[in-house]
Amino acid sequence: MVTMACSNSSTADWFIEIESPDAEEVLPEWIECYIIENIDPTICGPLSKDLSAILPLRSPLSSAETNASTTNQFPKTDHLKRARRRAATENEVKLRANSSAQTHKLSSSSSDDKTSCGNKKLKSEDVESRDINTEKQSNGHNIKKRKQKDRSNQNSTPWSLDVLVGSVQQCNDSLKTATTTRNATSPSLLAILAKYGLSEESPNFTRQSLPGRPAKNKEERDEWNKSVWPTLFFEKKTTQFKQEEIALTSAEIELMKNWMQEALADAMMGYTQWREWKEKIEPSRDKELSLSISGALVIDPQTGSIVSRASQERKLQGIAGDASNHQTWASFPDYINPLSTAPLLAIQGVSRIERQVAISNGMESDKFRGGQYLCTGYDVYLTKEPNIFEAMSLVHSRVRRVIFGIPDEGMGGLGGPKSSGQEAGIHSLPGTNHHYRAFRLNLSDGSDGCIGGDMTRKSLVAELRNLHPEKEVDCRNI
């Protein structure tokens, strides 16, 4: 697991986010691509369309498995544009001038021949004279238009169009496939090039290095667009945007600190409940019972209120009859049921509330969160890192965030701060249909450069360590 480094802010140093090591895909800085330079503007559009049919820059594949295999086989090009408009080189301008002059010469010669043949066929001198005058006027008009066009071209910057064929790997694979298979319904790259009078041997069929990843910011995009190749800029996919988007505010962190204190209070209430139950059952036991109890709260961040406490649900399940009458404990859920841990009790508390609302107000009531998962949008605070099955239950409940105090490096389901042997925490496990953000309390004493002088945090850490020592004794009936 990868955790966020401590910052200089004493508020932010209270909590450290646990992130997936594969949160961001590593892409090459540059990739080799084939480019067709100085393309005829009249064929740029049709050529680009034909190339996109066999060598798409943006993959049309829908299958996640197929996308993964394609990504591994060819470099990504979905951030590159198909065509580029650039200033023409001196050589390109000269070639165009020569070609234009040659075309004009051939056109003038053809026009003179046609005029001569027409004059021979005319029998009337008046008609001949009139046509000659008309021709002179027409030629004069054409010459005037040509001069205006030439003058306009002299005042504007000549430009050229280049077309991106695709990455070298993708193009070579297409060329190789074309030589080994014949498919009438799918034109090959060679066929498309031949259609427009081009080939892989053409002097303007070149190889260039283009950006292998999207631009990290607008400045880099502008630089690439100007000097390298036009690229698409996905601002919402940049690391900088994501970090700014999910950054915790000072107000949020203050609330997280307060709720962690409440989670500690819930754990202390759990131990009080444990002692009450032991007083009833202890005389029948030969040895003293020990049990590890955590604190757990479910919070609605929209209202800033506690939705469920593990200690409250434990009491409702463990005491026979009405728990408000302070009757004796009939059982202790944590001890008799291995699935009645603090996180799961807190989730069951949310379920109990939902059932009561449905019974009291009906399934169609606005107060009933019908159609949603139990903890959609809720935050969960725990004194100890949830184990694997607890962390997965939080995935199924669709929680928004999980914030815990002491890591469990042996059974922790969120990876913990050190070598827990897990490649990814349950909260960010690839393939699951829900991810949530996970934070742990910063347990640093200040020796690593993070804060160490906050007595409130030090006091909370000390109480949590006392609540969850490194070697906890747990004799629950499992």
Protein backbone atom coordinates (compact mmCIF):
# COMPACT_ATOMS: atom_id res chain seq x y z
CA MET A 1 0.00 0.00 0.00
CA VAL A 2 1.05 3.60 -0.58
CA THR A 3 0.21 6.26 1.95
CA MET A 4 0.23 9.98 1.46
CA ALA A 5 3.26 11.77 2.88
CA CYS A 6 2.89 14.12 5.80
CA SER A 7 2.45 17.76 4.91
CA ASN A 8 3.47 20.93 6.73
CA SER A 9 -0.05 21.63 7.96
CA SER A 10 -0.64 20.45 11.53
CA THR A 11 -4.32 19.93 10.72
CA ALA A 12 -3.65 17.76 7.69
CA ASP A 13 -1.11 15.66 9.60
CA TRP A 14 -3.83 14.21 11.77
CA PHE A 15 -4.83 11.70 9.12
CA ILE A 16 -3.03 9.89 6.30
CA GLU A 17 -4.89 8.50 3.31
CA ILE A 18 -4.20 4.93 2.24
CA GLU A 19 -4.10 4.77 -1.53
CA SER A 20 -3.87 1.98 -4.04
CA PRO A 21 -0.37 1.48 -5.51
CA ASP A 22 -1.97 1.18 -8.97
CA ALA A 23 -4.04 4.35 -8.66
CA GLU A 24 -2.30 5.93 -11.65
CA GLU A 25 -1.23 4.14 -14.80
CA VAL A 26 2.39 4.68 -15.80
CA LEU A 27 2.65 5.71 -19.45
CA PRO A 28 5.80 6.33 -21.54
CA GLU A 29 6.87 9.91 -22.09
CA TRP A 30 7.25 9.44 -25.85
CA ILE A 31 6.09 6.91 -28.44
CA GLU A 32 7.19 6.32 -32.05
CA CYS A 33 4.49 7.05 -34.64
CA TYR A 34 4.09 7.14 -38.42
CA ILE A 35 3.12 10.51 -39.96
CA ILE A 36 2.09 11.45 -43.50
CA GLU A 37 3.44 14.95 -44.05
CA ASN A 38 2.23 17.72 -46.36
CA ILE A 39 -0.98 15.93 -47.29
CA ASP A 40 -3.32 17.31 -49.96
CA PRO A 41 -6.08 19.21 -48.09
CA THR A 42 -8.73 17.69 -50.36
CA ILE A 43 -7.95 14.15 -49.17
CA CYS A 44 -7.15 14.93 -45.53
CA GLY A 45 -10.71 14.34 -44.31
CA PRO A 46 -11.44 11.12 -46.25
CA LEU A 47 -8.00 9.69 -45.45
CA SER A 48 -8.43 10.41 -41.74
CA LYS A 49 -11.82 8.70 -41.77
CA ASP A 50 -10.45 5.60 -43.49
CA LEU A 51 -7.49 5.41 -41.10
CA SER A 52 -9.79 5.68 -38.07
CA ALA A 53 -11.70 2.63 -39.32
CA ILE A 54 -8.66 0.34 -39.08
CA LEU A 55 -6.26 2.22 -36.78
CA PRO A 56 -8.45 4.12 -34.27
CA LEU A 57 -6.66 6.53 -31.97
CA ARG A 58 -9.39 6.03 -29.38
CA SER A 59 -10.17 2.36 -28.84
CA PRO A 60 -13.78 1.41 -29.64
CA LEU A 61 -13.50 -1.79 -27.62
CA SER A 62 -15.99 -2.23 -24.79
CA SER A 63 -14.72 -5.34 -23.07
CA ALA A 64 -12.50 -4.59 -20.08
CA GLU A 65 -10.49 -7.72 -20.76
CA THR A 66 -9.97 -6.82 -24.43
CA ASN A 67 -9.04 -3.25 -23.52
CA ALA A 68 -6.44 -4.55 -21.08
CA SER A 69 -4.85 -6.80 -23.70
CA THR A 70 -4.87 -4.01 -26.30
CA THR A 71 -3.33 -1.57 -23.83
CA ASN A 72 -0.50 -4.01 -23.17
CA GLN A 73 0.05 -4.63 -26.89
CA PHE A 74 0.02 -1.07 -28.29
CA PRO A 75 0.83 2.33 -26.80
CA LYS A 76 -2.14 4.55 -25.96
CA THR A 77 -2.89 7.24 -28.52
CA ASP A 78 -6.29 8.48 -27.32
CA HIS A 79 -4.75 11.82 -26.28
CA LEU A 80 -3.43 12.61 -29.79
CA LYS A 81 -5.35 14.31 -32.60
CA ARG A 82 -5.44 12.79 -36.08
CA ALA A 83 -4.33 15.85 -38.09
CA ARG A 84 -1.98 18.78 -37.58
CA ARG A 85 -1.87 22.13 -39.30
CA ARG A 86 1.56 23.75 -39.31
CA ALA A 87 3.57 26.37 -41.14
CA ALA A 88 4.90 25.05 -44.44
CA THR A 89 8.62 24.60 -44.88
CA GLU A 90 10.58 26.51 -47.58
CA ASN A 91 10.97 23.35 -49.61
CA GLU A 92 7.22 22.66 -49.49
CA VAL A 93 6.46 26.23 -50.61
CA LYS A 94 8.87 25.90 -53.57
CA LEU A 95 7.37 22.56 -54.60
CA ARG A 96 3.89 24.04 -54.54
CA ALA A 97 4.99 27.07 -56.58
CA ASN A 98 6.55 24.83 -59.23
CA SER A 99 3.51 22.59 -59.29
CA SER A 100 1.16 25.58 -59.58
CA ALA A 101 3.20 27.09 -62.43
CA GLN A 102 3.21 23.79 -64.29
CA THR A 103 -0.53 23.40 -63.86
CA HIS A 104 -1.13 26.99 -65.05
CA LYS A 105 1.04 26.44 -68.13
CA LEU A 106 -0.83 23.29 -69.11
CA SER A 107 -4.16 25.00 -68.52
CA SER A 108 -3.20 28.01 -70.69
CA SER A 109 -1.99 25.77 -73.53
CA SER A 110 -5.21 23.80 -73.49
CA SER A 111 -7.26 27.01 -73.50
CA ASP A 112 -5.35 28.37 -76.54
CA ASP A 113 -5.88 25.14 -78.47
CA LYS A 114 -9.59 25.20 -77.82
CA THR A 115 -9.84 28.86 -78.91
CA SER A 116 -7.96 28.15 -82.18
CA CYS A 117 -10.21 25.25 -83.06
CA GLY A 118 -13.29 27.32 -82.32
CA ASN A 119 -12.15 30.19 -84.51
CA LYS A 120 -11.67 27.88 -87.52
CA LYS A 121 -15.24 26.73 -87.26
CA LEU A 122 -16.69 30.24 -87.23
CA LYS A 123 -17.90 31.45 -90.62
CA SER A 124 -18.95 34.96 -89.69
CA GLU A 125 -16.29 37.62 -89.13
CA ASP A 126 -18.60 39.53 -86.77
CA VAL A 127 -19.16 36.50 -84.61
CA GLU A 128 -15.43 35.81 -84.63
CA SER A 129 -14.66 39.36 -83.59
CA ARG A 130 -17.27 39.31 -80.84
CA ASP A 131 -15.98 36.02 -79.39
CA ILE A 132 -12.41 37.25 -79.47
CA ASN A 133 -13.40 40.38 -77.54
CA THR A 134 -15.34 38.29 -75.04
CA GLU A 135 -12.38 36.00 -74.60
CA LYS A 136 -10.04 38.93 -74.00
CA GLN A 137 -12.39 40.30 -71.38
CA SER A 138 -12.64 36.86 -69.73
CA ASN A 139 -8.89 36.34 -69.79
CA GLY A 140 -8.38 39.81 -68.37
CA HIS A 141 -10.82 39.06 -65.56
CA ASN A 142 -9.13 35.73 -64.80
CA ILE A 143 -5.71 37.37 -64.75
CA LYS A 144 -7.00 40.02 -62.36
CA LYS A 145 -8.46 37.36 -60.01
CA ARG A 146 -5.23 35.36 -60.16
CA LYS A 147 -3.17 38.42 -59.26
CA GLN A 148 -5.46 39.17 -56.31
CA LYS A 149 -5.15 35.55 -55.14
CA ASP A 150 -1.38 35.61 -55.51
CA ARG A 151 -1.23 38.90 -53.59
CA SER A 152 -3.41 37.38 -50.83
CA ASN A 153 -1.19 34.31 -50.64
CA GLN A 154 1.89 36.51 -50.35
CA ASN A 155 0.36 38.29 -47.34
CA SER A 156 -0.67 35.03 -45.56
CA THR A 157 1.54 32.33 -44.02
CA PRO A 158 1.67 29.15 -46.13
CA TRP A 159 0.58 26.10 -44.14
CA SER A 160 0.70 22.32 -44.46
CA LEU A 161 -1.42 19.44 -43.18
CA ASP A 162 0.06 16.33 -41.57
CA VAL A 163 -1.91 13.19 -40.71
CA LEU A 164 -1.12 10.77 -37.88
CA VAL A 165 -1.35 7.18 -39.12
CA GLY A 166 -0.79 5.50 -35.74
CA SER A 167 1.88 4.13 -33.44
CA VAL A 168 4.73 2.24 -35.07
CA GLN A 169 3.74 -0.99 -33.28
CA GLN A 170 0.12 -0.71 -34.38
CA CYS A 171 1.00 0.17 -37.99
CA ASN A 172 3.60 -2.58 -38.28
CA ASP A 173 1.09 -5.08 -36.92
CA SER A 174 -1.47 -3.92 -39.49
CA LEU A 175 1.06 -4.16 -42.33
CA LYS A 176 2.14 -7.61 -41.18
CA THR A 177 -1.48 -8.79 -40.98
CA ALA A 178 -2.16 -7.47 -44.48
CA THR A 179 0.62 -9.62 -45.95
CA THR A 180 -0.50 -12.83 -44.22
CA THR A 181 -4.31 -12.57 -44.49
CA ARG A 182 -6.80 -11.32 -47.04
CA ASN A 183 -10.10 -9.89 -45.83
CA ALA A 184 -12.30 -8.29 -48.45
CA THR A 185 -14.57 -6.65 -45.88
CA SER A 186 -11.75 -4.94 -43.97
CA PRO A 187 -9.33 -2.81 -46.07
CA SER A 188 -5.68 -2.95 -45.13
CA LEU A 189 -3.40 -0.03 -44.41
CA LEU A 190 -1.61 -0.66 -47.71
CA ALA A 191 -4.91 -0.50 -49.60
CA ILE A 192 -5.90 2.77 -47.95
CA LEU A 193 -2.54 4.35 -48.72
CA ALA A 194 -2.74 3.17 -52.34
CA LYS A 195 -6.24 4.62 -52.63
CA TYR A 196 -4.78 8.11 -52.13
CA GLY A 197 -1.64 7.58 -54.18
CA LEU A 198 0.56 6.95 -51.13
CA SER A 199 2.65 4.07 -49.83
CA GLU A 200 4.90 3.25 -46.92
CA GLU A 201 7.82 4.06 -49.24
CA SER A 202 6.54 7.59 -49.96
CA PRO A 203 9.03 10.32 -48.96
CA ASN A 204 6.37 12.04 -46.85
CA PHE A 205 5.59 8.82 -44.92
CA THR A 206 7.82 9.56 -41.92
CA ARG A 207 8.47 8.37 -38.40
CA GLN A 208 8.34 10.80 -35.46
CA SER A 209 8.35 10.75 -31.65
CA LEU A 210 5.06 12.01 -30.19
CA PRO A 211 3.88 12.39 -26.56
CA GLY A 212 3.08 9.00 -25.05
CA ARG A 213 0.83 10.38 -22.32
CA PRO A 214 -1.73 13.16 -21.88
CA ALA A 215 -0.43 16.56 -20.86
CA LYS A 216 -0.17 17.05 -17.09
CA ASN A 217 -1.32 20.65 -17.25
CA LYS A 218 -2.47 23.33 -19.69
CA GLU A 219 1.03 24.78 -20.06
CA GLU A 220 2.44 21.45 -21.22
CA ARG A 221 -0.50 20.99 -23.60
CA ASP A 222 0.08 24.42 -25.15
CA GLU A 223 3.79 23.68 -25.60
CA TRP A 224 3.09 20.33 -27.30
CA ASN A 225 0.38 21.84 -29.53
CA LYS A 226 2.81 24.52 -30.65
CA SER A 227 6.00 22.55 -31.19
CA VAL A 228 5.22 18.81 -31.23
CA TRP A 229 1.70 17.63 -32.08
CA PRO A 230 -1.86 18.72 -31.16
CA THR A 231 -3.08 16.78 -28.14
CA LEU A 232 -6.27 16.50 -26.13
CA PHE A 233 -6.14 17.71 -22.52
CA PHE A 234 -8.14 15.74 -19.93
CA GLU A 235 -8.00 18.11 -16.98
CA LYS A 236 -10.25 15.97 -14.77
CA LYS A 237 -7.91 13.00 -15.25
CA THR A 238 -4.75 14.82 -14.21
CA THR A 239 -3.14 14.01 -10.87
CA GLN A 240 -3.19 17.68 -9.92
CA PHE A 241 -6.94 18.00 -10.52
CA LYS A 242 -7.71 14.77 -8.65
CA GLN A 243 -5.67 15.84 -5.65
CA GLU A 244 -7.33 19.25 -5.54
CA GLU A 245 -10.76 17.69 -6.04
CA ILE A 246 -10.45 15.23 -3.14
CA ALA A 247 -8.38 17.40 -0.80
CA LEU A 248 -9.86 17.53 2.69
CA THR A 249 -10.82 20.92 4.04
CA SER A 250 -9.84 22.10 7.51
CA ALA A 251 -13.48 21.87 8.56
CA GLU A 252 -13.68 18.24 7.42
CA ILE A 253 -10.54 17.31 9.33
CA GLU A 254 -11.84 18.98 12.50
CA LEU A 255 -14.98 16.86 12.22
CA MET A 256 -12.88 13.74 11.64
CA LYS A 257 -10.94 14.46 14.82
CA ASN A 258 -14.15 14.85 16.82
CA TRP A 259 -15.73 11.70 15.41
CA MET A 260 -12.59 9.69 16.17
CA GLN A 261 -12.94 10.80 19.79
CA GLU A 262 -16.55 9.59 19.67
CA ALA A 263 -15.41 6.24 18.27
CA LEU A 264 -13.04 5.92 21.23
CA ALA A 265 -15.94 6.65 23.57
CA ASP A 266 -17.98 3.94 21.82
CA ALA A 267 -15.18 1.43 22.41
CA MET A 268 -15.00 2.37 26.11
CA MET A 269 -18.78 1.85 26.34
CA GLY A 270 -18.29 -1.55 24.73
CA TYR A 271 -15.83 -2.57 27.47
CA THR A 272 -18.27 -1.38 30.10
CA GLN A 273 -20.93 -3.59 28.52
CA TRP A 274 -18.46 -6.48 28.46
CA ARG A 275 -17.77 -6.14 32.18
CA GLU A 276 -21.50 -6.06 32.92
CA TRP A 277 -22.04 -9.31 31.04
CA LYS A 278 -18.98 -10.95 32.62
CA GLU A 279 -20.29 -10.23 36.09
CA LYS A 280 -23.24 -12.46 35.28
CA ILE A 281 -21.36 -15.33 33.59
CA GLU A 282 -17.95 -15.24 35.30
CA PRO A 283 -18.82 -17.41 38.34
CA SER A 284 -19.58 -20.34 36.01
CA ARG A 285 -16.22 -20.07 34.26
CA ASP A 286 -12.94 -21.61 35.35
CA LYS A 287 -10.85 -18.86 33.78
CA GLU A 288 -11.22 -15.15 33.22
CA LEU A 289 -12.60 -14.15 29.82
CA SER A 290 -10.86 -11.64 27.58
CA LEU A 291 -12.24 -9.96 24.49
CA SER A 292 -10.97 -7.34 22.06
CA ILE A 293 -13.62 -4.68 21.48
CA SER A 294 -13.44 -1.82 18.99
CA GLY A 295 -15.43 1.34 18.68
CA ALA A 296 -17.48 1.96 15.54
CA LEU A 297 -19.67 4.83 14.38
CA VAL A 298 -21.66 5.42 11.20
CA ILE A 299 -21.90 9.13 10.39
CA ASP A 300 -24.09 10.99 7.93
CA PRO A 301 -21.76 13.74 6.60
CA GLN A 302 -24.70 15.64 5.11
CA THR A 303 -26.35 16.23 8.49
CA GLY A 304 -23.25 15.85 10.67
CA SER A 305 -25.07 13.35 12.92
CA ILE A 306 -24.44 9.85 14.23
CA VAL A 307 -26.59 7.29 12.43
CA SER A 308 -25.49 4.21 14.35
CA ARG A 309 -23.18 3.14 17.18
CA ALA A 310 -21.81 -0.37 17.67
CA SER A 311 -22.42 -0.14 21.44
CA GLN A 312 -26.09 0.76 20.96
CA GLU A 313 -26.74 -2.13 18.56
CA ARG A 314 -24.83 -4.50 20.87
CA LYS A 315 -27.11 -3.49 23.70
CA LEU A 316 -30.26 -3.97 21.64
CA GLN A 317 -29.14 -7.46 20.61
CA GLY A 318 -27.70 -8.57 23.95
CA ILE A 319 -30.30 -7.48 26.48
CA ALA A 320 -33.59 -9.39 26.48
CA GLY A 321 -36.69 -7.24 26.25
CA ASP A 322 -36.55 -3.46 26.23
CA ALA A 323 -32.97 -2.34 26.58
CA SER A 324 -34.10 0.98 28.04
CA ASN A 325 -35.30 -0.82 31.20
CA HIS A 326 -31.68 -1.76 32.03
CA GLN A 327 -32.46 -5.46 32.14
CA THR A 328 -29.63 -7.95 32.52
CA TRP A 329 -27.65 -9.17 29.55
CA ALA A 330 -29.05 -12.34 28.01
CA SER A 331 -26.02 -12.75 25.73
CA PHE A 332 -23.05 -10.80 24.47
CA PRO A 333 -23.13 -10.64 20.63
CA ASP A 334 -19.38 -10.12 20.20
CA TYR A 335 -18.62 -13.26 22.19
CA ILE A 336 -21.17 -15.72 20.85
CA ASN A 337 -21.08 -14.65 17.18
CA PRO A 338 -17.81 -14.12 15.30
CA LEU A 339 -19.67 -11.93 12.80
CA SER A 340 -20.84 -9.51 15.50
CA THR A 341 -17.76 -7.31 15.47
CA ALA A 342 -17.97 -3.56 16.03
CA PRO A 343 -18.04 -2.55 12.32
CA LEU A 344 -20.72 -5.11 11.52
CA LEU A 345 -22.78 -4.18 14.58
CA ALA A 346 -22.72 -0.55 13.44
CA ILE A 347 -23.92 -1.60 9.97
CA GLN A 348 -26.66 -3.73 11.54
CA GLY A 349 -27.69 -0.65 13.51
CA VAL A 350 -28.29 1.20 10.22
CA SER A 351 -30.34 -1.76 8.99
CA ARG A 352 -32.43 -1.67 12.17
CA ILE A 353 -33.19 2.02 11.66
CA GLU A 354 -34.20 1.40 8.04
CA ARG A 355 -36.58 -1.38 9.09
CA GLN A 356 -38.16 0.80 11.74
CA VAL A 357 -38.66 3.67 9.27
CA ALA A 358 -40.21 1.31 6.71
CA ILE A 359 -42.58 -0.16 9.32
CA SER A 360 -43.57 3.19 10.81
CA ASN A 361 -43.83 5.32 7.65
CA GLY A 362 -44.23 2.78 4.87
CA MET A 363 -41.96 1.72 2.05
CA GLU A 364 -43.00 4.73 -0.05
CA SER A 365 -42.09 7.28 2.61
CA ASP A 366 -39.48 9.92 1.85
CA LYS A 367 -37.84 9.04 5.16
CA PHE A 368 -37.15 5.51 3.94
CA ARG A 369 -33.93 5.37 1.92
CA GLY A 370 -35.42 2.80 -0.44
CA GLY A 371 -33.41 1.75 -3.47
CA GLN A 372 -30.07 2.57 -1.84
CA TYR A 373 -27.53 0.38 -0.16
CA LEU A 374 -27.49 0.55 3.63
CA CYS A 375 -24.67 3.02 4.11
CA THR A 376 -24.61 4.89 0.80
CA GLY A 377 -22.77 8.17 1.33
CA TYR A 378 -22.02 7.49 5.01
CA ASP A 379 -18.65 7.68 6.79
CA VAL A 380 -17.48 5.00 9.23
CA TYR A 381 -15.11 5.69 12.14
CA LEU A 382 -13.28 2.79 13.80
CA THR A 383 -10.75 2.67 16.60
CA LYS A 384 -8.99 -0.22 14.88
CA GLU A 385 -8.41 -1.11 11.24
CA PRO A 386 -11.13 -3.45 9.95
CA ASN A 387 -10.07 -6.95 9.02
CA ILE A 388 -10.63 -8.39 5.56
CA PHE A 389 -14.25 -9.49 5.88
CA GLU A 390 -15.17 -6.30 7.78
CA ALA A 391 -13.59 -4.17 5.05
CA MET A 392 -15.51 -6.12 2.40
CA SER A 393 -18.78 -5.65 4.29
CA LEU A 394 -18.11 -1.91 4.11
CA VAL A 395 -17.71 -2.26 0.34
CA HIS A 396 -21.08 -4.00 0.10
CA SER A 397 -22.66 -1.30 2.28
CA ARG A 398 -21.35 1.41 -0.09
CA VAL A 399 -19.76 3.62 2.54
CA ARG A 400 -18.08 6.83 1.41
CA ARG A 401 -15.08 6.86 3.75
CA VAL A 402 -13.53 4.73 6.48
CA ILE A 403 -11.36 6.39 9.11
CA PHE A 404 -9.58 4.22 11.69
CA GLY A 405 -7.07 4.64 14.49
CA ILE A 406 -4.77 1.67 15.15
CA PRO A 407 -3.62 -0.48 12.20
CA ASP A 408 -3.89 -4.26 12.26
CA GLU A 409 -0.83 -5.47 10.39
CA GLY A 410 -1.79 -9.10 10.83
CA MET A 411 -5.42 -9.12 9.70
CA GLY A 412 -5.94 -5.58 8.42
CA GLY A 413 -8.14 -5.33 5.36
CA LEU A 414 -7.05 -1.84 4.34
CA GLY A 415 -3.34 -2.56 4.13
CA GLY A 416 -2.13 -0.73 7.22
CA PRO A 417 0.88 1.59 7.19
CA LYS A 418 3.63 -1.04 6.81
CA SER A 419 4.32 -4.41 5.23
CA SER A 420 1.03 -6.24 5.64
CA GLY A 421 1.68 -8.51 2.66
CA GLN A 422 -1.22 -7.09 0.64
CA GLU A 423 -0.84 -5.59 -2.80
CA ALA A 424 -4.06 -3.60 -2.47
CA GLY A 425 -6.52 -2.80 0.27
CA ILE A 426 -10.07 -4.06 0.05
CA HIS A 427 -11.28 -0.48 -0.34
CA SER A 428 -9.47 -0.14 -3.68
CA LEU A 429 -9.37 -3.75 -4.80
CA PRO A 430 -9.45 -4.04 -8.61
CA GLY A 431 -12.57 -5.73 -9.90
CA THR A 432 -14.91 -4.68 -7.11
CA ASN A 433 -17.97 -2.60 -7.99
CA HIS A 434 -17.40 0.00 -5.27
CA HIS A 435 -14.38 1.78 -3.82
CA TYR A 436 -14.21 4.01 -0.76
CA ARG A 437 -11.53 6.28 0.62
CA ALA A 438 -9.60 5.04 3.64
CA PHE A 439 -7.72 7.14 6.21
CA ARG A 440 -5.73 6.18 9.28
CA LEU A 441 -4.81 8.31 12.25
CA ASN A 442 -1.24 9.57 12.13
CA LEU A 443 0.51 7.72 14.98
CA SER A 444 3.84 9.51 14.48
CA ASP A 445 5.68 10.87 17.51
CA GLY A 446 7.35 13.55 15.39
CA SER A 447 10.60 11.72 14.66
CA ASP A 448 9.75 11.41 10.94
CA GLY A 449 9.27 15.12 10.41
CA CYS A 450 5.52 15.10 10.98
CA ILE A 451 3.93 16.90 13.87
CA GLY A 452 4.60 15.65 17.36
CA GLY A 453 3.62 18.58 19.51
CA ASP A 454 -0.17 18.33 19.25
CA MET A 455 -1.12 17.14 22.74
CA THR A 456 -4.70 16.40 21.71
CA ARG A 457 -3.51 14.02 19.02
CA LYS A 458 -0.86 12.51 21.32
CA SER A 459 -3.47 11.91 23.99
CA LEU A 460 -5.83 10.25 21.51
CA VAL A 461 -3.04 8.05 20.14
CA ALA A 462 -2.04 7.00 23.66
CA GLU A 463 -5.63 6.06 24.55
CA LEU A 464 -6.05 4.08 21.34
CA ARG A 465 -2.77 2.22 21.87
CA ASN A 466 -3.86 1.36 25.39
CA LEU A 467 -7.20 0.17 23.99
CA HIS A 468 -5.58 -1.92 21.26
CA PRO A 469 -2.12 -3.12 22.40
CA GLU A 470 0.14 -4.85 19.89
CA LYS A 471 -0.70 -8.30 21.29
CA GLU A 472 -4.35 -8.38 22.14
CA VAL A 473 -5.81 -11.44 23.91
CA ASP A 474 -9.13 -12.53 22.44
CA CYS A 475 -10.95 -15.59 23.80
CA ARG A 476 -14.27 -15.16 22.01
CA ASN A 477 -16.23 -18.32 21.32
CA ILE A 478 -15.18 -18.85 17.67
